[in-house]
Amino acid sequence: MADQLKLRGGPTAQAEVFVGAEREITVDTGLKALRIHDGVTPGGHLIELKADAIAARTAAAASDNTARALLQSAIDNAISQR
């Protein structure tokens, strides 16, 4: 008889806030990726499975960081002009 491994899984919105047990692995069904949990971090640590998904997420993160930096700069400038 073959062994069977069952993993918890759910959509990305739920996966991002789920705090799993230490060394628990879950499936993010929205991103089609795995998440490894440490018992503390909401959403665990995302493990991408496809190279194109990794590239897209890296580009999006860079874009988000640029937008945050521009917004922070605008806020800093507005505060310093008071």
PDB file of N, CA and C in Angstrom:
ATOM      1  N   MET A   1       0.844  -1.172   0.000  1.00  0.00           N
ATOM      2  CA  MET A   1       0.000   0.000   0.000  1.00  0.00           C
ATOM      3  C   MET A   1       0.895   1.243   0.000  1.00  0.00           C
ATOM      4  N   ALA A   2       0.561   2.221  -0.844  1.00  0.00           N
ATOM      5  CA  ALA A   2       1.347   3.450  -0.953  1.00  0.00           C
ATOM      6  C   ALA A   2       1.049   4.388   0.208  1.00  0.00           C
ATOM      7  N   ASP A   3       2.071   5.129   0.610  1.00  0.00           N
ATOM      8  CA  ASP A   3       1.874   6.159   1.627  1.00  0.00           C
ATOM      9  C   ASP A   3       1.234   7.372   0.981  1.00  0.00           C
ATOM     10  N   GLN A   4       0.506   8.145   1.782  1.00  0.00           N
ATOM     11  CA  GLN A   4      -0.138   9.340   1.264  1.00  0.00           C
ATOM     12  C   GLN A   4       0.169  10.505   2.187  1.00  0.00           C
ATOM     13  N   LEU A   5       0.558  11.623   1.605  1.00  0.00           N
ATOM     14  CA  LEU A   5       0.833  12.840   2.354  1.00  0.00           C
ATOM     15  C   LEU A   5      -0.304  13.815   2.101  1.00  0.00           C
ATOM     16  N   LYS A   6      -0.912  14.327   3.162  1.00  0.00           N
ATOM     17  CA  LYS A   6      -1.971  15.310   3.027  1.00  0.00           C
ATOM     18  C   LYS A   6      -1.481  16.630   3.598  1.00  0.00           C
ATOM     19  N   LEU A   7      -1.739  17.705   2.860  1.00  0.00           N
ATOM     20  CA  LEU A   7      -1.352  19.042   3.299  1.00  0.00           C
ATOM     21  C   LEU A   7      -2.596  19.919   3.399  1.00  0.00           C
ATOM     22  N   ARG A   8      -2.575  20.826   4.360  1.00  0.00           N
ATOM     23  CA  ARG A   8      -3.640  21.831   4.426  1.00  0.00           C
ATOM     24  C   ARG A   8      -3.449  22.791   3.278  1.00  0.00           C
ATOM     25  N   GLY A   9      -4.517  23.394   2.843  1.00  0.00           N
ATOM     26  CA  GLY A   9      -4.410  24.375   1.782  1.00  0.00           C
ATOM     27  C   GLY A   9      -5.587  25.317   1.780  1.00  0.00           C
ATOM     28  N   GLY A  10      -5.409  26.441   1.113  1.00  0.00           N
ATOM     29  CA  GLY A  10      -6.478  27.412   1.003  1.00  0.00           C
ATOM     30  C   GLY A  10      -6.071  28.544   0.090  1.00  0.00           C
ATOM     31  N   PRO A  11      -7.019  29.459  -0.156  1.00  0.00           N
ATOM     32  CA  PRO A  11      -6.736  30.586  -1.038  1.00  0.00           C
ATOM     33  C   PRO A  11      -5.697  31.530  -0.425  1.00  0.00           C
ATOM     34  N   THR A  12      -5.100  32.342  -1.266  1.00  0.00           N
ATOM     35  CA  THR A  12      -4.022  33.233  -0.843  1.00  0.00           C
ATOM     36  C   THR A  12      -4.427  34.124   0.331  1.00  0.00           C
ATOM     37  N   ALA A  13      -5.625  34.682   0.298  1.00  0.00           N
ATOM     38  CA  ALA A  13      -6.068  35.577   1.381  1.00  0.00           C
ATOM     39  C   ALA A  13      -6.003  34.883   2.738  1.00  0.00           C
ATOM     40  N   GLN A  14      -6.378  33.636   2.793  1.00  0.00           N
ATOM     41  CA  GLN A  14      -6.308  32.879   4.050  1.00  0.00           C
ATOM     42  C   GLN A  14      -4.879  32.457   4.353  1.00  0.00           C
ATOM     43  N   ALA A  15      -4.145  32.059   3.322  1.00  0.00           N
ATOM     44  CA  ALA A  15      -2.777  31.570   3.511  1.00  0.00           C
ATOM     45  C   ALA A  15      -1.854  32.661   4.049  1.00  0.00           C
ATOM     46  N   GLU A  16      -2.106  33.924   3.657  1.00  0.00           N
ATOM     47  CA  GLU A  16      -1.242  35.027   4.071  1.00  0.00           C
ATOM     48  C   GLU A  16      -1.348  35.350   5.561  1.00  0.00           C
ATOM     49  N   VAL A  17      -2.430  34.969   6.206  1.00  0.00           N
ATOM     50  CA  VAL A  17      -2.608  35.283   7.627  1.00  0.00           C
ATOM     51  C   VAL A  17      -2.514  34.055   8.530  1.00  0.00           C
ATOM     52  N   PHE A  18      -2.474  32.877   7.936  1.00  0.00           N
ATOM     53  CA  PHE A  18      -2.426  31.643   8.716  1.00  0.00           C
ATOM     54  C   PHE A  18      -1.066  31.476   9.380  1.00  0.00           C
ATOM     55  N   VAL A  19      -1.065  31.225  10.673  1.00  0.00           N
ATOM     56  CA  VAL A  19       0.175  30.940  11.408  1.00  0.00           C
ATOM     57  C   VAL A  19       0.175  29.438  11.685  1.00  0.00           C
ATOM     58  N   GLY A  20       0.914  28.714  10.902  1.00  0.00           N
ATOM     59  CA  GLY A  20       0.971  27.270  11.074  1.00  0.00           C
ATOM     60  C   GLY A  20       1.942  26.871  12.168  1.00  0.00           C
ATOM     61  N   ALA A  21       1.912  25.621  12.503  1.00  0.00           N
ATOM     62  CA  ALA A  21       2.834  25.084  13.501  1.00  0.00           C
ATOM     63  C   ALA A  21       4.256  25.070  12.935  1.00  0.00           C
ATOM     64  N   GLU A  22       5.227  25.020  13.816  1.00  0.00           N
ATOM     65  CA  GLU A  22       6.616  24.955  13.384  1.00  0.00           C
ATOM     66  C   GLU A  22       6.818  23.739  12.476  1.00  0.00           C
ATOM     67  N   ARG A  23       7.453  23.949  11.339  1.00  0.00           N
ATOM     68  CA  ARG A  23       7.742  22.942  10.310  1.00  0.00           C
ATOM     69  C   ARG A  23       6.497  22.425   9.596  1.00  0.00           C
ATOM     70  N   GLU A  24       5.368  23.117   9.713  1.00  0.00           N
ATOM     71  CA  GLU A  24       4.164  22.726   8.968  1.00  0.00           C
ATOM     72  C   GLU A  24       4.262  23.278   7.549  1.00  0.00           C
ATOM     73  N   ILE A  25       3.796  22.508   6.587  1.00  0.00           N
ATOM     74  CA  ILE A  25       3.776  22.933   5.193  1.00  0.00           C
ATOM     75  C   ILE A  25       2.332  22.992   4.744  1.00  0.00           C
ATOM     76  N   THR A  26       1.963  24.112   4.113  1.00  0.00           N
ATOM     77  CA  THR A  26       0.614  24.258   3.581  1.00  0.00           C
ATOM     78  C   THR A  26       0.699  24.622   2.100  1.00  0.00           C
ATOM     79  N   VAL A  27      -0.432  24.493   1.414  1.00  0.00           N
ATOM     80  CA  VAL A  27      -0.510  24.804  -0.005  1.00  0.00           C
ATOM     81  C   VAL A  27      -1.325  26.078  -0.190  1.00  0.00           C
ATOM     82  N   ASP A  28      -0.746  27.063  -0.861  1.00  0.00           N
ATOM     83  CA  ASP A  28      -1.459  28.285  -1.233  1.00  0.00           C
ATOM     84  C   ASP A  28      -2.087  27.989  -2.588  1.00  0.00           C
ATOM     85  N   THR A  29      -3.385  27.719  -2.588  1.00  0.00           N
ATOM     86  CA  THR A  29      -4.039  27.292  -3.827  1.00  0.00           C
ATOM     87  C   THR A  29      -4.187  28.427  -4.828  1.00  0.00           C
ATOM     88  N   GLY A  30      -4.188  29.679  -4.360  1.00  0.00           N
ATOM     89  CA  GLY A  30      -4.276  30.816  -5.270  1.00  0.00           C
ATOM     90  C   GLY A  30      -2.997  31.010  -6.062  1.00  0.00           C
ATOM     91  N   LEU A  31      -1.867  30.941  -5.384  1.00  0.00           N
ATOM     92  CA  LEU A  31      -0.573  31.133  -6.046  1.00  0.00           C
ATOM     93  C   LEU A  31       0.014  29.838  -6.571  1.00  0.00           C
ATOM     94  N   LYS A  32      -0.604  28.727  -6.187  1.00  0.00           N
ATOM     95  CA  LYS A  32      -0.073  27.406  -6.538  1.00  0.00           C
ATOM     96  C   LYS A  32       1.377  27.293  -6.056  1.00  0.00           C
ATOM     97  N   ALA A  33       1.543  27.549  -4.753  1.00  0.00           N
ATOM     98  CA  ALA A  33       2.867  27.542  -4.134  1.00  0.00           C
ATOM     99  C   ALA A  33       2.757  26.908  -2.749  1.00  0.00           C
ATOM    100  N   LEU A  34       3.894  26.596  -2.180  1.00  0.00           N
ATOM    101  CA  LEU A  34       3.931  26.043  -0.825  1.00  0.00           C
ATOM    102  C   LEU A  34       4.313  27.144   0.157  1.00  0.00           C
ATOM    103  N   ARG A  35       3.894  26.961   1.405  1.00  0.00           N
ATOM    104  CA  ARG A  35       4.293  27.861   2.481  1.00  0.00           C
ATOM    105  C   ARG A  35       4.830  26.999   3.622  1.00  0.00           C
ATOM    106  N   ILE A  36       6.014  27.342   4.101  1.00  0.00           N
ATOM    107  CA  ILE A  36       6.609  26.629   5.227  1.00  0.00           C
ATOM    108  C   ILE A  36       6.463  27.517   6.451  1.00  0.00           C
ATOM    109  N   HIS A  37       5.920  26.962   7.516  1.00  0.00           N
ATOM    110  CA  HIS A  37       5.601  27.743   8.705  1.00  0.00           C
ATOM    111  C   HIS A  37       6.617  27.520   9.819  1.00  0.00           C
ATOM    112  N   ASP A  38       6.745  28.567  10.641  1.00  0.00           N
ATOM    113  CA  ASP A  38       7.678  28.517  11.770  1.00  0.00           C
ATOM    114  C   ASP A  38       6.972  28.659  13.114  1.00  0.00           C
ATOM    115  N   GLY A  39       5.650  28.667  13.101  1.00  0.00           N
ATOM    116  CA  GLY A  39       4.890  28.784  14.335  1.00  0.00           C
ATOM    117  C   GLY A  39       4.713  30.211  14.809  1.00  0.00           C
ATOM    118  N   VAL A  40       5.269  31.191  14.068  1.00  0.00           N
ATOM    119  CA  VAL A  40       5.217  32.582  14.495  1.00  0.00           C
ATOM    120  C   VAL A  40       4.770  33.521  13.371  1.00  0.00           C
ATOM    121  N   THR A  41       5.306  33.343  12.186  1.00  0.00           N
ATOM    122  CA  THR A  41       5.114  34.273  11.079  1.00  0.00           C
ATOM    123  C   THR A  41       3.782  34.053  10.371  1.00  0.00           C
ATOM    124  N   PRO A  42       2.897  35.091  10.347  1.00  0.00           N
ATOM    125  CA  PRO A  42       1.655  34.961   9.579  1.00  0.00           C
ATOM    126  C   PRO A  42       1.977  34.727   8.105  1.00  0.00           C
ATOM    127  N   GLY A  43       1.374  33.735   7.521  1.00  0.00           N
ATOM    128  CA  GLY A  43       1.618  33.413   6.118  1.00  0.00           C
ATOM    129  C   GLY A  43       2.813  32.511   5.893  1.00  0.00           C
ATOM    130  N   GLY A  44       3.605  32.313   6.920  1.00  0.00           N
ATOM    131  CA  GLY A  44       4.784  31.462   6.769  1.00  0.00           C
ATOM    132  C   GLY A  44       5.754  32.025   5.758  1.00  0.00           C
ATOM    133  N   HIS A  45       6.527  31.169   5.151  1.00  0.00           N
ATOM    134  CA  HIS A  45       7.536  31.563   4.175  1.00  0.00           C
ATOM    135  C   HIS A  45       7.163  30.944   2.836  1.00  0.00           C
ATOM    136  N   LEU A  46       6.870  31.805   1.866  1.00  0.00           N
ATOM    137  CA  LEU A  46       6.387  31.389   0.560  1.00  0.00           C
ATOM    138  C   LEU A  46       7.490  30.725  -0.245  1.00  0.00           C
ATOM    139  N   ILE A  47       7.191  29.567  -0.807  1.00  0.00           N
ATOM    140  CA  ILE A  47       8.114  28.829  -1.660  1.00  0.00           C
ATOM    141  C   ILE A  47       7.481  28.735  -3.044  1.00  0.00           C
ATOM    142  N   GLU A  48       8.002  29.523  -3.989  1.00  0.00           N
ATOM    143  CA  GLU A  48       7.485  29.495  -5.355  1.00  0.00           C
ATOM    144  C   GLU A  48       7.963  28.224  -6.045  1.00  0.00           C
ATOM    145  N   LEU A  49       7.147  27.699  -6.917  1.00  0.00           N
ATOM    146  CA  LEU A  49       7.486  26.461  -7.593  1.00  0.00           C
ATOM    147  C   LEU A  49       7.830  26.649  -9.063  1.00  0.00           C
ATOM    148  N   LYS A  50       7.432  27.787  -9.648  1.00  0.00           N
ATOM    149  CA  LYS A  50       7.677  28.016 -11.071  1.00  0.00           C
ATOM    150  C   LYS A  50       8.588  29.228 -11.248  1.00  0.00           C
ATOM    151  N   ALA A  51       9.508  29.137 -12.184  1.00  0.00           N
ATOM    152  CA  ALA A  51      10.461  30.221 -12.424  1.00  0.00           C
ATOM    153  C   ALA A  51       9.757  31.510 -12.839  1.00  0.00           C
ATOM    154  N   ASP A  52       8.707  31.414 -13.667  1.00  0.00           N
ATOM    155  CA  ASP A  52       8.020  32.628 -14.110  1.00  0.00           C
ATOM    156  C   ASP A  52       7.283  33.303 -12.957  1.00  0.00           C
ATOM    157  N   ALA A  53       6.798  32.529 -12.009  1.00  0.00           N
ATOM    158  CA  ALA A  53       6.138  33.101 -10.835  1.00  0.00           C
ATOM    159  C   ALA A  53       7.159  33.817  -9.957  1.00  0.00           C
ATOM    160  N   ILE A  54       8.333  33.244  -9.834  1.00  0.00           N
ATOM    161  CA  ILE A  54       9.404  33.874  -9.044  1.00  0.00           C
ATOM    162  C   ILE A  54       9.796  35.203  -9.684  1.00  0.00           C
ATOM    163  N   ALA A  55       9.971  35.220 -10.994  1.00  0.00           N
ATOM    164  CA  ALA A  55      10.349  36.447 -11.691  1.00  0.00           C
ATOM    165  C   ALA A  55       9.271  37.518 -11.555  1.00  0.00           C
ATOM    166  N   ALA A  56       8.006  37.134 -11.686  1.00  0.00           N
ATOM    167  CA  ALA A  56       6.910  38.096 -11.568  1.00  0.00           C
ATOM    168  C   ALA A  56       6.834  38.668 -10.162  1.00  0.00           C
ATOM    169  N   ARG A  57       6.988  37.833  -9.151  1.00  0.00           N
ATOM    170  CA  ARG A  57       6.918  38.295  -7.764  1.00  0.00           C
ATOM    171  C   ARG A  57       8.103  39.214  -7.444  1.00  0.00           C
ATOM    172  N   THR A  58       9.280  38.913  -7.980  1.00  0.00           N
ATOM    173  CA  THR A  58      10.452  39.750  -7.760  1.00  0.00           C
ATOM    174  C   THR A  58      10.248  41.127  -8.393  1.00  0.00           C
ATOM    175  N   ALA A  59       9.712  41.162  -9.608  1.00  0.00           N
ATOM    176  CA  ALA A  59       9.449  42.436 -10.284  1.00  0.00           C
ATOM    177  C   ALA A  59       8.396  43.238  -9.534  1.00  0.00           C
ATOM    178  N   ALA A  60       7.357  42.581  -9.055  1.00  0.00           N
ATOM    179  CA  ALA A  60       6.303  43.274  -8.311  1.00  0.00           C
ATOM    180  C   ALA A  60       6.844  43.839  -7.005  1.00  0.00           C
ATOM    181  N   ALA A  61       7.706  43.089  -6.331  1.00  0.00           N
ATOM    182  CA  ALA A  61       8.292  43.561  -5.074  1.00  0.00           C
ATOM    183  C   ALA A  61       9.168  44.781  -5.321  1.00  0.00           C
ATOM    184  N   ALA A  62       9.937  44.766  -6.403  1.00  0.00           N
ATOM    185  CA  ALA A  62      10.786  45.914  -6.733  1.00  0.00           C
ATOM    186  C   ALA A  62       9.928  47.135  -7.022  1.00  0.00           C
ATOM    187  N   SER A  63       8.826  46.934  -7.742  1.00  0.00           N
ATOM    188  CA  SER A  63       7.912  48.025  -8.055  1.00  0.00           C
ATOM    189  C   SER A  63       7.266  48.572  -6.779  1.00  0.00           C
ATOM    190  N   ASP A  64       6.868  47.683  -5.876  1.00  0.00           N
ATOM    191  CA  ASP A  64       6.275  48.103  -4.598  1.00  0.00           C
ATOM    192  C   ASP A  64       7.282  48.899  -3.775  1.00  0.00           C
ATOM    193  N   ASN A  65       8.532  48.446  -3.752  1.00  0.00           N
ATOM    194  CA  ASN A  65       9.570  49.150  -2.993  1.00  0.00           C
ATOM    195  C   ASN A  65       9.812  50.543  -3.558  1.00  0.00           C
ATOM    196  N   THR A  66       9.803  50.676  -4.881  1.00  0.00           N
ATOM    197  CA  THR A  66       9.983  51.979  -5.516  1.00  0.00           C
ATOM    198  C   THR A  66       8.822  52.905  -5.158  1.00  0.00           C
ATOM    199  N   ALA A  67       7.609  52.383  -5.228  1.00  0.00           N
ATOM    200  CA  ALA A  67       6.431  53.186  -4.889  1.00  0.00           C
ATOM    201  C   ALA A  67       6.477  53.621  -3.426  1.00  0.00           C
ATOM    202  N   ARG A  68       6.863  52.721  -2.541  1.00  0.00           N
ATOM    203  CA  ARG A  68       6.972  53.070  -1.116  1.00  0.00           C
ATOM    204  C   ARG A  68       8.012  54.169  -0.900  1.00  0.00           C
ATOM    205  N   ALA A  69       9.146  54.042  -1.573  1.00  0.00           N
ATOM    206  CA  ALA A  69      10.214  55.036  -1.424  1.00  0.00           C
ATOM    207  C   ALA A  69       9.747  56.405  -1.917  1.00  0.00           C
ATOM    208  N   LEU A  70       9.043  56.448  -3.046  1.00  0.00           N
ATOM    209  CA  LEU A  70       8.537  57.715  -3.569  1.00  0.00           C
ATOM    210  C   LEU A  70       7.497  58.320  -2.628  1.00  0.00           C
ATOM    211  N   LEU A  71       6.620  57.500  -2.094  1.00  0.00           N
ATOM    212  CA  LEU A  71       5.606  57.971  -1.157  1.00  0.00           C
ATOM    213  C   LEU A  71       6.257  58.499   0.119  1.00  0.00           C
ATOM    214  N   GLN A  72       7.249  57.777   0.641  1.00  0.00           N
ATOM    215  CA  GLN A  72       7.941  58.222   1.849  1.00  0.00           C
ATOM    216  C   GLN A  72       8.647  59.548   1.608  1.00  0.00           C
ATOM    217  N   SER A  73       9.247  59.693   0.447  1.00  0.00           N
ATOM    218  CA  SER A  73       9.920  60.940   0.098  1.00  0.00           C
ATOM    219  C   SER A  73       8.924  62.097   0.048  1.00  0.00           C
ATOM    220  N   ALA A  74       7.762  61.869  -0.542  1.00  0.00           N
ATOM    221  CA  ALA A  74       6.734  62.908  -0.614  1.00  0.00           C
ATOM    222  C   ALA A  74       6.250  63.290   0.788  1.00  0.00           C
ATOM    223  N   ILE A  75       6.070  62.307   1.645  1.00  0.00           N
ATOM    224  CA  ILE A  75       5.643  62.576   3.022  1.00  0.00           C
ATOM    225  C   ILE A  75       6.716  63.371   3.756  1.00  0.00           C
ATOM    226  N   ASP A  76       7.973  62.964   3.622  1.00  0.00           N
ATOM    227  CA  ASP A  76       9.079  63.665   4.275  1.00  0.00           C
ATOM    228  C   ASP A  76       9.165  65.111   3.811  1.00  0.00           C
ATOM    229  N   ASN A  77       9.004  65.322   2.500  1.00  0.00           N
ATOM    230  CA  ASN A  77       9.054  66.688   1.957  1.00  0.00           C
ATOM    231  C   ASN A  77       7.901  67.536   2.482  1.00  0.00           C
ATOM    232  N   ALA A  78       6.706  66.950   2.556  1.00  0.00           N
ATOM    233  CA  ALA A  78       5.550  67.694   3.061  1.00  0.00           C
ATOM    234  C   ALA A  78       5.742  68.072   4.530  1.00  0.00           C
ATOM    235  N   ILE A  79       6.318  67.187   5.304  1.00  0.00           N
ATOM    236  CA  ILE A  79       6.548  67.464   6.736  1.00  0.00           C
ATOM    237  C   ILE A  79       7.620  68.538   6.898  1.00  0.00           C
ATOM    238  N   SER A  80       8.681  68.493   6.109  1.00  0.00           N
ATOM    239  CA  SER A  80       9.780  69.448   6.259  1.00  0.00           C
ATOM    240  C   SER A  80       9.386  70.843   5.809  1.00  0.00           C
ATOM    241  N   GLN A  81       8.342  70.985   4.995  1.00  0.00           N
ATOM    242  CA  GLN A  81       7.905  72.298   4.512  1.00  0.00           C
ATOM    243  C   GLN A  81       6.960  72.990   5.487  1.00  0.00           C
ATOM    244  N   ARG A  82       6.619  72.359   6.560  1.00  0.00           N
ATOM    245  CA  ARG A  82       5.696  72.971   7.535  1.00  0.00           C
ATOM    246  C   ARG A  82       6.384  73.993   8.355  1.00  0.00           C
TER     247      ARG A  82
END
